[in-house]
Amino acid sequence: MWVALWGGHAVRRYTPAGELDREIELPVDNPTACCFGGQDFTDLYVTSARVGLSDEVLTQRQLNGSVLVLPGVGAGLPGVAFNG
């Protein structure tokens, strides 16, 4: 399970037992969500927010509000459409 850490500048991966397995620091203040994509589902896409950040912070870290791609960090599965 991958989790985006709002205010934490990172995403974390947890094992099925709930143990922290990996942490990747990001150049954004507020990561919001993450999902796998790319041709073989090994790229982690991470969205981020700009809301509530000062002009100074936005000037210093201009990737806030961007979608980041972390290539080859794991192995995801294709989504399944909800039919209900």
N, C-alpha and C. Protein backbone atom coordinates (compact mmCIF):
# COMPACT_ATOMS: atom_id res chain seq x y z
N MET A 1 0.85 -1.16 0.00
CA MET A 1 0.00 0.00 0.00
C MET A 1 0.90 1.23 0.00
N TRP A 2 0.70 2.09 -0.98
CA TRP A 2 1.43 3.36 -1.05
C TRP A 2 0.53 4.47 -0.53
N VAL A 3 1.11 5.38 0.26
CA VAL A 3 0.36 6.47 0.88
C VAL A 3 1.10 7.78 0.64
N ALA A 4 0.35 8.81 0.21
CA ALA A 4 0.91 10.15 0.06
C ALA A 4 0.76 10.88 1.39
N LEU A 5 1.82 11.56 1.83
CA LEU A 5 1.83 12.21 3.14
C LEU A 5 1.63 13.72 3.00
N TRP A 6 0.40 14.16 3.18
CA TRP A 6 0.09 15.60 3.14
C TRP A 6 0.94 16.31 4.19
N GLY A 7 1.70 17.30 3.78
CA GLY A 7 2.58 18.02 4.70
C GLY A 7 3.85 17.26 5.02
N GLY A 8 4.01 16.08 4.46
CA GLY A 8 5.14 15.23 4.81
C GLY A 8 6.22 15.12 3.75
N HIS A 9 6.02 15.77 2.58
CA HIS A 9 7.03 15.79 1.52
C HIS A 9 7.44 14.39 1.06
N ALA A 10 6.56 13.40 1.13
CA ALA A 10 6.98 12.04 0.80
C ALA A 10 5.79 11.14 0.50
N VAL A 11 6.12 9.98 -0.08
CA VAL A 11 5.18 8.86 -0.17
C VAL A 11 5.81 7.70 0.58
N ARG A 12 4.96 6.86 1.16
CA ARG A 12 5.45 5.70 1.90
C ARG A 12 4.77 4.44 1.39
N ARG A 13 5.53 3.34 1.47
CA ARG A 13 4.97 2.03 1.13
C ARG A 13 4.93 1.19 2.39
N TYR A 14 3.77 0.56 2.61
CA TYR A 14 3.58 -0.31 3.76
C TYR A 14 3.34 -1.74 3.29
N THR A 15 3.85 -2.69 4.06
CA THR A 15 3.66 -4.11 3.75
C THR A 15 2.23 -4.52 4.13
N PRO A 16 1.77 -5.68 3.69
CA PRO A 16 0.45 -6.17 4.11
C PRO A 16 0.32 -6.29 5.63
N ALA A 17 1.44 -6.43 6.35
CA ALA A 17 1.41 -6.50 7.81
C ALA A 17 1.36 -5.11 8.46
N GLY A 18 1.38 -4.05 7.62
CA GLY A 18 1.30 -2.69 8.15
C GLY A 18 2.63 -2.08 8.53
N GLU A 19 3.72 -2.71 8.15
CA GLU A 19 5.05 -2.20 8.47
C GLU A 19 5.55 -1.27 7.37
N LEU A 20 6.19 -0.17 7.76
CA LEU A 20 6.78 0.75 6.80
C LEU A 20 7.92 0.03 6.07
N ASP A 21 7.82 0.00 4.76
CA ASP A 21 8.78 -0.72 3.93
C ASP A 21 9.71 0.22 3.17
N ARG A 22 9.18 1.37 2.76
CA ARG A 22 9.95 2.30 1.94
C ARG A 22 9.36 3.69 2.04
N GLU A 23 10.24 4.70 1.99
CA GLU A 23 9.80 6.09 1.95
C GLU A 23 10.60 6.81 0.88
N ILE A 24 9.90 7.59 0.05
CA ILE A 24 10.56 8.37 -1.00
C ILE A 24 10.23 9.84 -0.75
N GLU A 25 11.25 10.64 -0.52
CA GLU A 25 11.06 12.08 -0.33
C GLU A 25 10.73 12.72 -1.68
N LEU A 26 9.89 13.75 -1.62
CA LEU A 26 9.44 14.43 -2.83
C LEU A 26 9.74 15.93 -2.75
N PRO A 27 9.87 16.60 -3.90
CA PRO A 27 10.13 18.04 -3.91
C PRO A 27 8.86 18.88 -3.82
N VAL A 28 7.84 18.36 -3.14
CA VAL A 28 6.58 19.08 -2.94
C VAL A 28 6.18 18.98 -1.46
N ASP A 29 5.42 19.97 -1.00
CA ASP A 29 5.01 20.01 0.40
C ASP A 29 3.82 19.10 0.70
N ASN A 30 2.86 19.07 -0.22
CA ASN A 30 1.60 18.38 0.06
C ASN A 30 1.24 17.36 -1.01
N PRO A 31 1.89 16.18 -0.99
CA PRO A 31 1.43 15.13 -1.89
C PRO A 31 0.01 14.73 -1.51
N THR A 32 -0.82 14.44 -2.50
CA THR A 32 -2.23 14.18 -2.20
C THR A 32 -2.67 12.74 -2.46
N ALA A 33 -2.16 12.12 -3.51
CA ALA A 33 -2.58 10.76 -3.85
C ALA A 33 -1.54 10.13 -4.77
N CYS A 34 -1.59 8.81 -4.89
CA CYS A 34 -0.66 8.14 -5.78
C CYS A 34 -1.33 6.91 -6.39
N CYS A 35 -0.85 6.56 -7.59
CA CYS A 35 -1.34 5.37 -8.27
C CYS A 35 -0.28 4.92 -9.28
N PHE A 36 -0.36 3.67 -9.67
CA PHE A 36 0.59 3.14 -10.64
C PHE A 36 0.06 3.33 -12.05
N GLY A 37 0.99 3.49 -12.98
CA GLY A 37 0.64 3.64 -14.38
C GLY A 37 1.84 3.31 -15.23
N GLY A 38 1.77 3.72 -16.48
CA GLY A 38 2.81 3.40 -17.43
C GLY A 38 2.51 2.08 -18.10
N GLN A 39 3.28 1.76 -19.09
CA GLN A 39 3.02 0.58 -19.90
C GLN A 39 3.00 -0.71 -19.09
N ASP A 40 3.89 -0.84 -18.11
CA ASP A 40 3.96 -2.07 -17.31
C ASP A 40 3.58 -1.85 -15.84
N PHE A 41 2.94 -0.71 -15.55
CA PHE A 41 2.46 -0.39 -14.20
C PHE A 41 3.57 -0.39 -13.15
N THR A 42 4.76 0.09 -13.52
CA THR A 42 5.86 0.21 -12.55
C THR A 42 6.17 1.66 -12.21
N ASP A 43 5.48 2.60 -12.84
CA ASP A 43 5.69 4.02 -12.56
C ASP A 43 4.64 4.49 -11.56
N LEU A 44 5.09 5.17 -10.50
CA LEU A 44 4.17 5.70 -9.50
C LEU A 44 3.90 7.16 -9.82
N TYR A 45 2.63 7.49 -10.02
CA TYR A 45 2.20 8.86 -10.28
C TYR A 45 1.71 9.45 -8.96
N VAL A 46 2.21 10.65 -8.64
CA VAL A 46 1.86 11.30 -7.37
C VAL A 46 1.33 12.70 -7.67
N THR A 47 0.11 12.98 -7.22
CA THR A 47 -0.43 14.33 -7.36
C THR A 47 -0.05 15.14 -6.13
N SER A 48 -0.06 16.46 -6.28
CA SER A 48 0.27 17.34 -5.16
C SER A 48 -0.61 18.58 -5.21
N ALA A 49 -0.65 19.32 -4.10
CA ALA A 49 -1.51 20.50 -3.99
C ALA A 49 -0.69 21.75 -3.72
N ARG A 50 -1.25 22.89 -4.14
CA ARG A 50 -0.66 24.20 -3.88
C ARG A 50 -1.45 24.97 -2.82
N VAL A 51 -2.63 24.53 -2.50
CA VAL A 51 -3.55 25.25 -1.62
C VAL A 51 -2.91 25.51 -0.26
N GLY A 52 -3.07 26.74 0.23
CA GLY A 52 -2.60 27.09 1.56
C GLY A 52 -1.12 27.37 1.68
N LEU A 53 -0.37 27.29 0.59
CA LEU A 53 1.06 27.55 0.65
C LEU A 53 1.35 29.01 0.34
N SER A 54 2.31 29.56 1.02
CA SER A 54 2.65 30.98 0.83
C SER A 54 3.34 31.20 -0.51
N ASP A 55 3.36 32.45 -0.95
CA ASP A 55 4.04 32.79 -2.20
C ASP A 55 5.52 32.43 -2.10
N GLU A 56 6.11 32.60 -0.92
CA GLU A 56 7.52 32.28 -0.73
C GLU A 56 7.78 30.78 -0.95
N VAL A 57 6.93 29.95 -0.36
CA VAL A 57 7.08 28.50 -0.53
C VAL A 57 6.88 28.11 -1.99
N LEU A 58 5.88 28.70 -2.64
CA LEU A 58 5.62 28.37 -4.04
C LEU A 58 6.77 28.81 -4.94
N THR A 59 7.45 29.88 -4.58
CA THR A 59 8.61 30.33 -5.34
C THR A 59 9.79 29.38 -5.13
N GLN A 60 9.97 28.92 -3.90
CA GLN A 60 11.10 28.04 -3.58
C GLN A 60 10.91 26.63 -4.15
N ARG A 61 9.69 26.12 -4.09
CA ARG A 61 9.41 24.75 -4.55
C ARG A 61 8.30 24.80 -5.59
N GLN A 62 8.70 25.06 -6.82
CA GLN A 62 7.75 25.34 -7.89
C GLN A 62 7.00 24.11 -8.39
N LEU A 63 7.35 22.92 -7.92
CA LEU A 63 6.63 21.71 -8.35
C LEU A 63 5.36 21.47 -7.54
N ASN A 64 5.13 22.25 -6.47
CA ASN A 64 3.87 22.12 -5.73
C ASN A 64 2.71 22.31 -6.70
N GLY A 65 1.73 21.41 -6.65
CA GLY A 65 0.59 21.46 -7.55
C GLY A 65 0.78 20.62 -8.81
N SER A 66 1.92 19.98 -8.95
CA SER A 66 2.22 19.17 -10.13
C SER A 66 1.88 17.71 -9.92
N VAL A 67 1.88 16.98 -11.02
CA VAL A 67 1.83 15.52 -10.98
C VAL A 67 3.26 15.04 -11.19
N LEU A 68 3.77 14.26 -10.27
CA LEU A 68 5.13 13.74 -10.36
C LEU A 68 5.07 12.29 -10.83
N VAL A 69 6.10 11.85 -11.55
CA VAL A 69 6.20 10.46 -11.99
C VAL A 69 7.50 9.89 -11.42
N LEU A 70 7.37 8.81 -10.67
CA LEU A 70 8.52 8.11 -10.10
C LEU A 70 8.66 6.80 -10.87
N PRO A 71 9.53 6.78 -11.89
CA PRO A 71 9.61 5.58 -12.74
C PRO A 71 10.23 4.38 -12.04
N GLY A 72 9.62 3.23 -12.28
CA GLY A 72 10.19 1.96 -11.84
C GLY A 72 10.28 1.73 -10.35
N VAL A 73 9.38 2.30 -9.56
CA VAL A 73 9.49 2.15 -8.10
C VAL A 73 8.75 0.94 -7.55
N GLY A 74 7.94 0.29 -8.33
CA GLY A 74 7.19 -0.84 -7.79
C GLY A 74 6.45 -1.57 -8.88
N ALA A 75 5.47 -2.35 -8.47
CA ALA A 75 4.68 -3.12 -9.42
C ALA A 75 3.21 -2.98 -9.07
N GLY A 76 2.50 -2.24 -9.88
CA GLY A 76 1.07 -2.06 -9.67
C GLY A 76 0.28 -3.00 -10.56
N LEU A 77 -1.02 -2.93 -10.41
CA LEU A 77 -1.94 -3.75 -11.20
C LEU A 77 -2.90 -2.84 -11.95
N PRO A 78 -3.37 -3.26 -13.12
CA PRO A 78 -4.37 -2.45 -13.82
C PRO A 78 -5.63 -2.32 -12.98
N GLY A 79 -6.30 -1.20 -13.12
CA GLY A 79 -7.55 -0.98 -12.40
C GLY A 79 -8.68 -1.83 -12.96
N VAL A 80 -9.68 -2.02 -12.16
CA VAL A 80 -10.87 -2.74 -12.57
C VAL A 80 -12.04 -1.77 -12.50
N ALA A 81 -12.78 -1.66 -13.58
CA ALA A 81 -13.90 -0.73 -13.63
C ALA A 81 -15.00 -1.17 -12.68
N PHE A 82 -15.54 -0.22 -11.92
CA PHE A 82 -16.66 -0.50 -11.02
C PHE A 82 -17.93 -0.55 -11.86
N ASN A 83 -18.71 -1.56 -11.67
CA ASN A 83 -19.87 -1.76 -12.52
C ASN A 83 -21.17 -1.73 -11.71
N GLY A 84 -21.16 -1.00 -10.63
CA GLY A 84 -22.35 -1.06 -9.81
C GLY A 84 -22.74 0.22 -9.27
